Amino acid sequence: MVSFRSAPTQLGQDSKIQIDRGVWVALTILGIWAVSLFTLLSIDITQLSIPFRIAGLLLQTFLYTGLFITAHDAMHGAVSPSNRKLNDLIGSIALRAYALFSLKSMIKTHWEHHAHPASDLDPDFHNGKNKSLLGWYSYFMVRYWSWTRIISLIAIFHIVHRLFHVPEANLTWFWVVPSILSSVQLFFFGTFLPHREPAGGYQNENRATSTRWSPFWSFISCYHFGYHLEHHERPDLAWWQLPELHQRKLQEEG
């Protein structure tokens, strides 16, 4: 199995262009998330209709998912393959902004997932009993969350509310709920769908499948995380490189 921290990039021959684009894509996601969050926390939410509140909530959910996808790419060294310090710095910022996670700790558990996908040694897999969507998600979240992180996030919520006078309604609609929904989005498209056991059993060593959605819907659903078999086969590729590999595989199969 290919090492996810050191595999060479084959899609796109100009490495400098690829490296620059990886950093640019990551910083763009971080920047849009920050500007969007600041804007939504600053507006008078009482003047927004429910449809506009929901639109802002969904936008933030998508951007929060983008934060984790950016950190996930950094775990594989795909944000900046030639500059490990820059790669890890961007990944750490994205992961801390997402939910105060440590990049170093996440790299360790994510490596275990790639080394032992959909098995007892996979930290992302269910325990053999909680195979349903809700049961597996609950088991998944318990393994990754800690009381320290939860208390820290609650403290940040109240500090921002009291020190910067941000209404609790804004924080709830555009920070708390989107971060929770993004975890559901990531779990459903990046763990449950691709790694649940098919009726005929697993068909490859990565124990993963991929959606056959168009690149547009694949991006909208979860930044191409649904092209999951391709990701396990080429973990060195950034999320925005997966559609090219997916289309190539479809052409070879057809």
C-alpha atoms as a PDB file:
ATOM      1  CA  MET A   1       0.000   0.000   0.000  1.00  0.00           C
ATOM      2  CA  VAL A   2       1.280   3.469  -0.904  1.00  0.00           C
ATOM      3  CA  SER A   3       2.576   5.572   1.953  1.00  0.00           C
ATOM      4  CA  PHE A   4       0.224   8.507   2.251  1.00  0.00           C
ATOM      5  CA  ARG A   5       2.915  10.923   3.367  1.00  0.00           C
ATOM      6  CA  SER A   6       5.447  10.355   0.620  1.00  0.00           C
ATOM      7  CA  ALA A   7       3.831   9.075  -2.594  1.00  0.00           C
ATOM      8  CA  PRO A   8       4.837  10.940  -5.778  1.00  0.00           C
ATOM      9  CA  THR A   9       2.303  13.050  -7.646  1.00  0.00           C
ATOM     10  CA  GLN A  10       1.654  11.810 -11.185  1.00  0.00           C
ATOM     11  CA  LEU A  11      -1.356  13.881 -12.211  1.00  0.00           C
ATOM     12  CA  GLY A  12      -0.066  17.215 -13.484  1.00  0.00           C
ATOM     13  CA  GLN A  13       3.567  17.175 -14.518  1.00  0.00           C
ATOM     14  CA  ASP A  14       4.637  20.676 -13.439  1.00  0.00           C
ATOM     15  CA  SER A  15       5.229  20.202  -9.697  1.00  0.00           C
ATOM     16  CA  LYS A  16       5.647  23.932  -9.054  1.00  0.00           C
ATOM     17  CA  ILE A  17       2.218  24.696 -10.514  1.00  0.00           C
ATOM     18  CA  GLN A  18       0.667  21.902  -8.487  1.00  0.00           C
ATOM     19  CA  ILE A  19       2.313  23.040  -5.254  1.00  0.00           C
ATOM     20  CA  ASP A  20       1.288  26.652  -5.793  1.00  0.00           C
ATOM     21  CA  ARG A  21      -2.258  25.624  -6.581  1.00  0.00           C
ATOM     22  CA  GLY A  22      -2.489  23.419  -3.489  1.00  0.00           C
ATOM     23  CA  VAL A  23      -1.475  26.277  -1.216  1.00  0.00           C
ATOM     24  CA  TRP A  24      -3.722  28.705  -3.078  1.00  0.00           C
ATOM     25  CA  VAL A  25      -6.744  26.406  -2.845  1.00  0.00           C
ATOM     26  CA  ALA A  26      -6.164  25.868   0.884  1.00  0.00           C
ATOM     27  CA  LEU A  27      -5.740  29.581   1.639  1.00  0.00           C
ATOM     28  CA  THR A  28      -8.799  30.421  -0.464  1.00  0.00           C
ATOM     29  CA  ILE A  29     -10.970  28.056   1.583  1.00  0.00           C
ATOM     30  CA  LEU A  30      -9.565  29.418   4.838  1.00  0.00           C
ATOM     31  CA  GLY A  31     -10.056  32.995   3.687  1.00  0.00           C
ATOM     32  CA  ILE A  32     -13.634  32.547   2.455  1.00  0.00           C
ATOM     33  CA  TRP A  33     -14.535  30.722   5.675  1.00  0.00           C
ATOM     34  CA  ALA A  34     -13.062  33.498   7.846  1.00  0.00           C
ATOM     35  CA  VAL A  35     -14.707  36.346   5.904  1.00  0.00           C
ATOM     36  CA  SER A  36     -18.045  34.527   5.756  1.00  0.00           C
ATOM     37  CA  LEU A  37     -18.004  33.732   9.486  1.00  0.00           C
ATOM     38  CA  PHE A  38     -17.046  37.294  10.461  1.00  0.00           C
ATOM     39  CA  THR A  39     -19.792  38.701   8.232  1.00  0.00           C
ATOM     40  CA  LEU A  40     -22.494  36.353   9.496  1.00  0.00           C
ATOM     41  CA  LEU A  41     -21.546  36.939  13.130  1.00  0.00           C
ATOM     42  CA  SER A  42     -21.661  40.707  12.599  1.00  0.00           C
ATOM     43  CA  ILE A  43     -25.091  41.041  10.979  1.00  0.00           C
ATOM     44  CA  ASP A  44     -28.352  41.630  12.825  1.00  0.00           C
ATOM     45  CA  ILE A  45     -29.835  38.151  12.655  1.00  0.00           C
ATOM     46  CA  THR A  46     -33.254  39.414  13.704  1.00  0.00           C
ATOM     47  CA  GLN A  47     -33.509  41.166  10.344  1.00  0.00           C
ATOM     48  CA  LEU A  48     -32.892  37.939   8.409  1.00  0.00           C
ATOM     49  CA  SER A  49     -35.753  35.762   7.255  1.00  0.00           C
ATOM     50  CA  ILE A  50     -35.600  32.047   7.991  1.00  0.00           C
ATOM     51  CA  PRO A  51     -34.634  31.158   4.366  1.00  0.00           C
ATOM     52  CA  PHE A  52     -31.660  33.551   4.546  1.00  0.00           C
ATOM     53  CA  ARG A  53     -30.616  32.152   7.913  1.00  0.00           C
ATOM     54  CA  ILE A  54     -30.735  28.628   6.503  1.00  0.00           C
ATOM     55  CA  ALA A  55     -28.740  29.736   3.452  1.00  0.00           C
ATOM     56  CA  GLY A  56     -26.048  31.200   5.711  1.00  0.00           C
ATOM     57  CA  LEU A  57     -26.052  28.080   7.856  1.00  0.00           C
ATOM     58  CA  LEU A  58     -25.627  25.807   4.818  1.00  0.00           C
ATOM     59  CA  LEU A  59     -22.849  28.000   3.438  1.00  0.00           C
ATOM     60  CA  GLN A  60     -20.965  27.824   6.713  1.00  0.00           C
ATOM     61  CA  THR A  61     -21.496  24.070   6.901  1.00  0.00           C
ATOM     62  CA  PHE A  62     -19.931  23.656   3.468  1.00  0.00           C
ATOM     63  CA  LEU A  63     -17.015  25.907   4.392  1.00  0.00           C
ATOM     64  CA  TYR A  64     -16.445  24.092   7.691  1.00  0.00           C
ATOM     65  CA  THR A  65     -16.283  20.858   5.707  1.00  0.00           C
ATOM     66  CA  GLY A  66     -13.725  22.565   3.495  1.00  0.00           C
ATOM     67  CA  LEU A  67     -11.588  23.338   6.537  1.00  0.00           C
ATOM     68  CA  PHE A  68     -11.403  19.665   7.430  1.00  0.00           C
ATOM     69  CA  ILE A  69     -10.795  18.615   3.820  1.00  0.00           C
ATOM     70  CA  THR A  70      -7.899  21.101   3.717  1.00  0.00           C
ATOM     71  CA  ALA A  71      -6.486  19.631   6.931  1.00  0.00           C
ATOM     72  CA  HIS A  72      -7.027  16.145   5.522  1.00  0.00           C
ATOM     73  CA  ASP A  73      -4.954  17.046   2.461  1.00  0.00           C
ATOM     74  CA  ALA A  74      -2.252  18.374   4.776  1.00  0.00           C
ATOM     75  CA  MET A  75      -2.235  15.025   6.616  1.00  0.00           C
ATOM     76  CA  HIS A  76      -1.218  13.503   3.292  1.00  0.00           C
ATOM     77  CA  GLY A  77       1.288  16.239   2.488  1.00  0.00           C
ATOM     78  CA  ALA A  78      -0.852  17.293  -0.490  1.00  0.00           C
ATOM     79  CA  VAL A  79      -1.239  20.989   0.342  1.00  0.00           C
ATOM     80  CA  SER A  80       2.437  21.738  -0.285  1.00  0.00           C
ATOM     81  CA  PRO A  81       4.425  18.566  -1.128  1.00  0.00           C
ATOM     82  CA  SER A  82       7.751  20.413  -1.410  1.00  0.00           C
ATOM     83  CA  ASN A  83       7.432  22.436   1.792  1.00  0.00           C
ATOM     84  CA  ARG A  84       6.503  20.251   4.753  1.00  0.00           C
ATOM     85  CA  LYS A  85       6.556  23.117   7.251  1.00  0.00           C
ATOM     86  CA  LEU A  86       4.163  25.216   5.180  1.00  0.00           C
ATOM     87  CA  ASN A  87       1.983  22.175   4.520  1.00  0.00           C
ATOM     88  CA  ASP A  88       1.723  21.337   8.223  1.00  0.00           C
ATOM     89  CA  LEU A  89       1.227  24.967   9.246  1.00  0.00           C
ATOM     90  CA  ILE A  90      -1.761  25.358   6.941  1.00  0.00           C
ATOM     91  CA  GLY A  91      -3.133  21.996   8.042  1.00  0.00           C
ATOM     92  CA  SER A  92      -2.768  22.895  11.715  1.00  0.00           C
ATOM     93  CA  ILE A  93      -4.532  26.237  11.258  1.00  0.00           C
ATOM     94  CA  ALA A  94      -7.399  24.595   9.355  1.00  0.00           C
ATOM     95  CA  LEU A  95      -7.802  21.841  11.939  1.00  0.00           C
ATOM     96  CA  ARG A  96      -7.661  24.185  14.927  1.00  0.00           C
ATOM     97  CA  ALA A  97     -10.187  26.475  13.258  1.00  0.00           C
ATOM     98  CA  TYR A  98     -12.408  23.490  12.533  1.00  0.00           C
ATOM     99  CA  ALA A  99     -12.667  22.234  16.111  1.00  0.00           C
ATOM    100  CA  LEU A 100      -9.369  22.637  18.001  1.00  0.00           C
ATOM    101  CA  PHE A 101      -7.994  19.299  16.774  1.00  0.00           C
ATOM    102  CA  SER A 102      -4.253  18.570  16.758  1.00  0.00           C
ATOM    103  CA  LEU A 103      -2.750  17.836  13.343  1.00  0.00           C
ATOM    104  CA  LYS A 104      -0.086  15.589  14.852  1.00  0.00           C
ATOM    105  CA  SER A 105      -2.668  13.419  16.623  1.00  0.00           C
ATOM    106  CA  MET A 106      -4.947  13.301  13.594  1.00  0.00           C
ATOM    107  CA  ILE A 107      -2.100  12.224  11.311  1.00  0.00           C
ATOM    108  CA  LYS A 108      -1.481   9.238  13.574  1.00  0.00           C
ATOM    109  CA  THR A 109      -5.109   8.079  13.613  1.00  0.00           C
ATOM    110  CA  HIS A 110      -5.585   8.787   9.918  1.00  0.00           C
ATOM    111  CA  TRP A 111      -2.560   6.671   9.101  1.00  0.00           C
ATOM    112  CA  GLU A 112      -4.133   3.828  11.064  1.00  0.00           C
ATOM    113  CA  HIS A 113      -7.278   4.234   8.959  1.00  0.00           C
ATOM    114  CA  HIS A 114      -5.315   3.975   5.705  1.00  0.00           C
ATOM    115  CA  ALA A 115      -3.223   1.076   6.948  1.00  0.00           C
ATOM    116  CA  HIS A 116      -6.194  -0.960   8.210  1.00  0.00           C
ATOM    117  CA  PRO A 117      -9.345   0.315   6.446  1.00  0.00           C
ATOM    118  CA  ALA A 118     -12.706  -1.027   7.615  1.00  0.00           C
ATOM    119  CA  SER A 119     -11.200  -3.364  10.197  1.00  0.00           C
ATOM    120  CA  ASP A 120     -10.904  -3.684  13.972  1.00  0.00           C
ATOM    121  CA  LEU A 121      -7.697  -1.620  13.783  1.00  0.00           C
ATOM    122  CA  ASP A 122      -9.368   1.221  11.894  1.00  0.00           C
ATOM    123  CA  PRO A 123     -10.242   4.068  14.317  1.00  0.00           C
ATOM    124  CA  ASP A 124     -12.922   5.282  11.892  1.00  0.00           C
ATOM    125  CA  PHE A 125     -14.725   1.928  11.648  1.00  0.00           C
ATOM    126  CA  HIS A 126     -17.687   0.764  13.715  1.00  0.00           C
ATOM    127  CA  ASN A 127     -17.313  -1.742  16.563  1.00  0.00           C
ATOM    128  CA  GLY A 128     -19.167  -4.548  14.826  1.00  0.00           C
ATOM    129  CA  LYS A 129     -22.414  -3.711  16.609  1.00  0.00           C
ATOM    130  CA  ASN A 130     -23.190  -0.097  15.706  1.00  0.00           C
ATOM    131  CA  LYS A 131     -23.395  -0.562  11.936  1.00  0.00           C
ATOM    132  CA  SER A 132     -26.366   1.737  11.337  1.00  0.00           C
ATOM    133  CA  LEU A 133     -25.793   5.316  10.244  1.00  0.00           C
ATOM    134  CA  LEU A 134     -26.730   6.815  13.619  1.00  0.00           C
ATOM    135  CA  GLY A 135     -25.012   4.130  15.701  1.00  0.00           C
ATOM    136  CA  TRP A 136     -21.805   4.274  13.689  1.00  0.00           C
ATOM    137  CA  TYR A 137     -21.770   8.092  13.707  1.00  0.00           C
ATOM    138  CA  SER A 138     -22.244   8.178  17.486  1.00  0.00           C
ATOM    139  CA  TYR A 139     -19.455   5.637  18.014  1.00  0.00           C
ATOM    140  CA  PHE A 140     -17.233   7.592  15.599  1.00  0.00           C
ATOM    141  CA  MET A 141     -17.781  10.903  17.398  1.00  0.00           C
ATOM    142  CA  VAL A 142     -17.185   9.458  20.862  1.00  0.00           C
ATOM    143  CA  ARG A 143     -13.790   8.148  19.728  1.00  0.00           C
ATOM    144  CA  TYR A 144     -12.659  11.511  18.370  1.00  0.00           C
ATOM    145  CA  TRP A 145     -14.091  13.977  20.877  1.00  0.00           C
ATOM    146  CA  SER A 146     -12.843  14.796  24.358  1.00  0.00           C
ATOM    147  CA  TRP A 147     -14.246  16.719  27.289  1.00  0.00           C
ATOM    148  CA  THR A 148     -11.277  19.075  27.135  1.00  0.00           C
ATOM    149  CA  ARG A 149     -12.095  20.066  23.567  1.00  0.00           C
ATOM    150  CA  ILE A 150     -15.813  20.403  24.277  1.00  0.00           C
ATOM    151  CA  ILE A 151     -15.216  22.594  27.350  1.00  0.00           C
ATOM    152  CA  SER A 152     -12.719  24.718  25.389  1.00  0.00           C
ATOM    153  CA  LEU A 153     -15.237  25.310  22.597  1.00  0.00           C
ATOM    154  CA  ILE A 154     -17.944  26.228  25.102  1.00  0.00           C
ATOM    155  CA  ALA A 155     -15.530  28.668  26.722  1.00  0.00           C
ATOM    156  CA  ILE A 156     -14.736  30.244  23.342  1.00  0.00           C
ATOM    157  CA  PHE A 157     -18.471  30.587  22.656  1.00  0.00           C
ATOM    158  CA  HIS A 158     -19.047  32.547  25.866  1.00  0.00           C
ATOM    159  CA  ILE A 159     -15.871  34.622  25.544  1.00  0.00           C
ATOM    160  CA  VAL A 160     -16.805  35.721  22.025  1.00  0.00           C
ATOM    161  CA  HIS A 161     -20.358  36.435  23.144  1.00  0.00           C
ATOM    162  CA  ARG A 162     -19.412  38.500  26.195  1.00  0.00           C
ATOM    163  CA  LEU A 163     -16.155  40.124  25.070  1.00  0.00           C
ATOM    164  CA  PHE A 164     -17.136  40.982  21.485  1.00  0.00           C
ATOM    165  CA  HIS A 165     -20.895  41.223  22.106  1.00  0.00           C
ATOM    166  CA  VAL A 166     -21.741  38.712  19.382  1.00  0.00           C
ATOM    167  CA  PRO A 167     -25.354  37.550  19.881  1.00  0.00           C
ATOM    168  CA  GLU A 168     -25.767  33.948  20.952  1.00  0.00           C
ATOM    169  CA  ALA A 169     -28.227  33.434  18.096  1.00  0.00           C
ATOM    170  CA  ASN A 170     -25.539  34.330  15.535  1.00  0.00           C
ATOM    171  CA  LEU A 171     -23.017  32.055  17.187  1.00  0.00           C
ATOM    172  CA  THR A 172     -25.501  29.193  17.280  1.00  0.00           C
ATOM    173  CA  TRP A 173     -26.783  29.561  13.716  1.00  0.00           C
ATOM    174  CA  PHE A 174     -23.477  30.256  11.979  1.00  0.00           C
ATOM    175  CA  TRP A 175     -20.813  28.602  14.167  1.00  0.00           C
ATOM    176  CA  VAL A 176     -22.157  25.841  16.402  1.00  0.00           C
ATOM    177  CA  VAL A 177     -24.736  24.206  14.144  1.00  0.00           C
ATOM    178  CA  PRO A 178     -22.619  24.351  10.927  1.00  0.00           C
ATOM    179  CA  SER A 179     -19.657  22.716  12.665  1.00  0.00           C
ATOM    180  CA  ILE A 180     -21.891  19.863  13.860  1.00  0.00           C
ATOM    181  CA  LEU A 181     -23.564  19.442  10.466  1.00  0.00           C
ATOM    182  CA  SER A 182     -20.186  19.383   8.738  1.00  0.00           C
ATOM    183  CA  SER A 183     -19.159  16.428  10.906  1.00  0.00           C
ATOM    184  CA  VAL A 184     -22.276  14.612   9.696  1.00  0.00           C
ATOM    185  CA  GLN A 185     -21.452  15.513   6.091  1.00  0.00           C
ATOM    186  CA  LEU A 186     -17.866  14.313   6.415  1.00  0.00           C
ATOM    187  CA  PHE A 187     -18.872  11.106   8.156  1.00  0.00           C
ATOM    188  CA  PHE A 188     -21.669  10.235   5.731  1.00  0.00           C
ATOM    189  CA  PHE A 189     -19.735  10.852   2.503  1.00  0.00           C
ATOM    190  CA  GLY A 190     -16.224  10.042   3.718  1.00  0.00           C
ATOM    191  CA  THR A 191     -16.744   7.091   6.054  1.00  0.00           C
ATOM    192  CA  PHE A 192     -20.226   5.563   6.043  1.00  0.00           C
ATOM    193  CA  LEU A 193     -20.943   5.401   2.303  1.00  0.00           C
ATOM    194  CA  PRO A 194     -17.481   4.380   1.065  1.00  0.00           C
ATOM    195  CA  HIS A 195     -16.543   1.958   3.867  1.00  0.00           C
ATOM    196  CA  ARG A 196     -19.774   0.190   4.785  1.00  0.00           C
ATOM    197  CA  GLU A 197     -19.620  -3.452   3.765  1.00  0.00           C
ATOM    198  CA  PRO A 198     -21.363  -4.181   0.439  1.00  0.00           C
ATOM    199  CA  ALA A 199     -23.869  -7.041   0.152  1.00  0.00           C
ATOM    200  CA  GLY A 200     -21.269  -9.234  -1.551  1.00  0.00           C
ATOM    201  CA  GLY A 201     -18.439  -8.250   0.761  1.00  0.00           C
ATOM    202  CA  TYR A 202     -15.495  -5.948   0.150  1.00  0.00           C
ATOM    203  CA  GLN A 203     -14.086  -6.111  -3.371  1.00  0.00           C
ATOM    204  CA  ASN A 204     -10.636  -4.533  -2.932  1.00  0.00           C
ATOM    205  CA  GLU A 205      -7.833  -4.271  -0.396  1.00  0.00           C
ATOM    206  CA  ASN A 206      -8.821  -0.707   0.505  1.00  0.00           C
ATOM    207  CA  ARG A 207     -12.315  -1.875   1.451  1.00  0.00           C
ATOM    208  CA  ALA A 208     -13.709   1.237  -0.151  1.00  0.00           C
ATOM    209  CA  THR A 209     -16.079   2.246  -2.920  1.00  0.00           C
ATOM    210  CA  SER A 210     -16.634   5.465  -4.837  1.00  0.00           C
ATOM    211  CA  THR A 211     -19.703   7.367  -5.912  1.00  0.00           C
ATOM    212  CA  ARG A 212     -20.291   7.731  -9.641  1.00  0.00           C
ATOM    213  CA  TRP A 213     -21.614  11.252  -9.388  1.00  0.00           C
ATOM    214  CA  SER A 214     -20.526  13.999 -11.763  1.00  0.00           C
ATOM    215  CA  PRO A 215     -17.629  16.193 -10.632  1.00  0.00           C
ATOM    216  CA  PHE A 216     -20.088  19.008  -9.875  1.00  0.00           C
ATOM    217  CA  TRP A 217     -22.253  16.963  -7.498  1.00  0.00           C
ATOM    218  CA  SER A 218     -19.198  15.246  -6.093  1.00  0.00           C
ATOM    219  CA  PHE A 219     -17.797  18.664  -5.160  1.00  0.00           C
ATOM    220  CA  ILE A 220     -21.090  19.911  -3.721  1.00  0.00           C
ATOM    221  CA  SER A 221     -21.580  16.752  -1.644  1.00  0.00           C
ATOM    222  CA  CYS A 222     -18.190  16.772   0.071  1.00  0.00           C
ATOM    223  CA  TYR A 223     -15.256  18.161  -1.938  1.00  0.00           C
ATOM    224  CA  HIS A 224     -14.915  14.900  -3.923  1.00  0.00           C
ATOM    225  CA  PHE A 225     -14.575  12.852  -0.733  1.00  0.00           C
ATOM    226  CA  GLY A 226     -17.018  10.466  -2.391  1.00  0.00           C
ATOM    227  CA  TYR A 227     -14.302   9.456  -4.863  1.00  0.00           C
ATOM    228  CA  HIS A 228     -12.986   7.491  -1.951  1.00  0.00           C
ATOM    229  CA  LEU A 229     -11.458   4.447  -3.602  1.00  0.00           C
ATOM    230  CA  GLU A 230      -9.384   6.790  -5.745  1.00  0.00           C
ATOM    231  CA  HIS A 231      -8.255   8.582  -2.591  1.00  0.00           C
ATOM    232  CA  HIS A 232      -7.119   5.340  -0.966  1.00  0.00           C
ATOM    233  CA  GLU A 233      -5.306   4.292  -4.133  1.00  0.00           C
ATOM    234  CA  ARG A 234      -3.613   7.688  -4.515  1.00  0.00           C
ATOM    235  CA  PRO A 235      -3.617   9.385  -1.090  1.00  0.00           C
ATOM    236  CA  ASP A 236      -0.950  11.821  -2.271  1.00  0.00           C
ATOM    237  CA  LEU A 237      -3.445  13.585  -4.549  1.00  0.00           C
ATOM    238  CA  ALA A 238      -5.266  16.690  -3.355  1.00  0.00           C
ATOM    239  CA  TRP A 239      -9.067  16.663  -3.261  1.00  0.00           C
ATOM    240  CA  TRP A 240      -9.324  18.743  -6.432  1.00  0.00           C
ATOM    241  CA  GLN A 241      -7.189  16.214  -8.351  1.00  0.00           C
ATOM    242  CA  LEU A 242      -9.462  13.248  -7.645  1.00  0.00           C
ATOM    243  CA  PRO A 243     -12.045  13.909 -10.421  1.00  0.00           C
ATOM    244  CA  GLU A 244      -9.358  13.533 -13.084  1.00  0.00           C
ATOM    245  CA  LEU A 245      -8.314  10.169 -11.670  1.00  0.00           C
ATOM    246  CA  HIS A 246     -11.954   9.110 -11.274  1.00  0.00           C
ATOM    247  CA  GLN A 247     -12.772   9.969 -14.893  1.00  0.00           C
ATOM    248  CA  ARG A 248      -9.662   8.141 -16.080  1.00  0.00           C
ATOM    249  CA  LYS A 249     -10.721   5.002 -14.220  1.00  0.00           C
ATOM    250  CA  LEU A 250     -14.237   5.208 -15.677  1.00  0.00           C
ATOM    251  CA  GLN A 251     -12.783   5.416 -19.178  1.00  0.00           C
ATOM    252  CA  GLU A 252     -10.577   2.400 -18.545  1.00  0.00           C
ATOM    253  CA  GLU A 253     -13.539   0.418 -17.214  1.00  0.00           C
ATOM    254  CA  GLY A 254     -15.748   1.464 -20.131  1.00  0.00           C
END
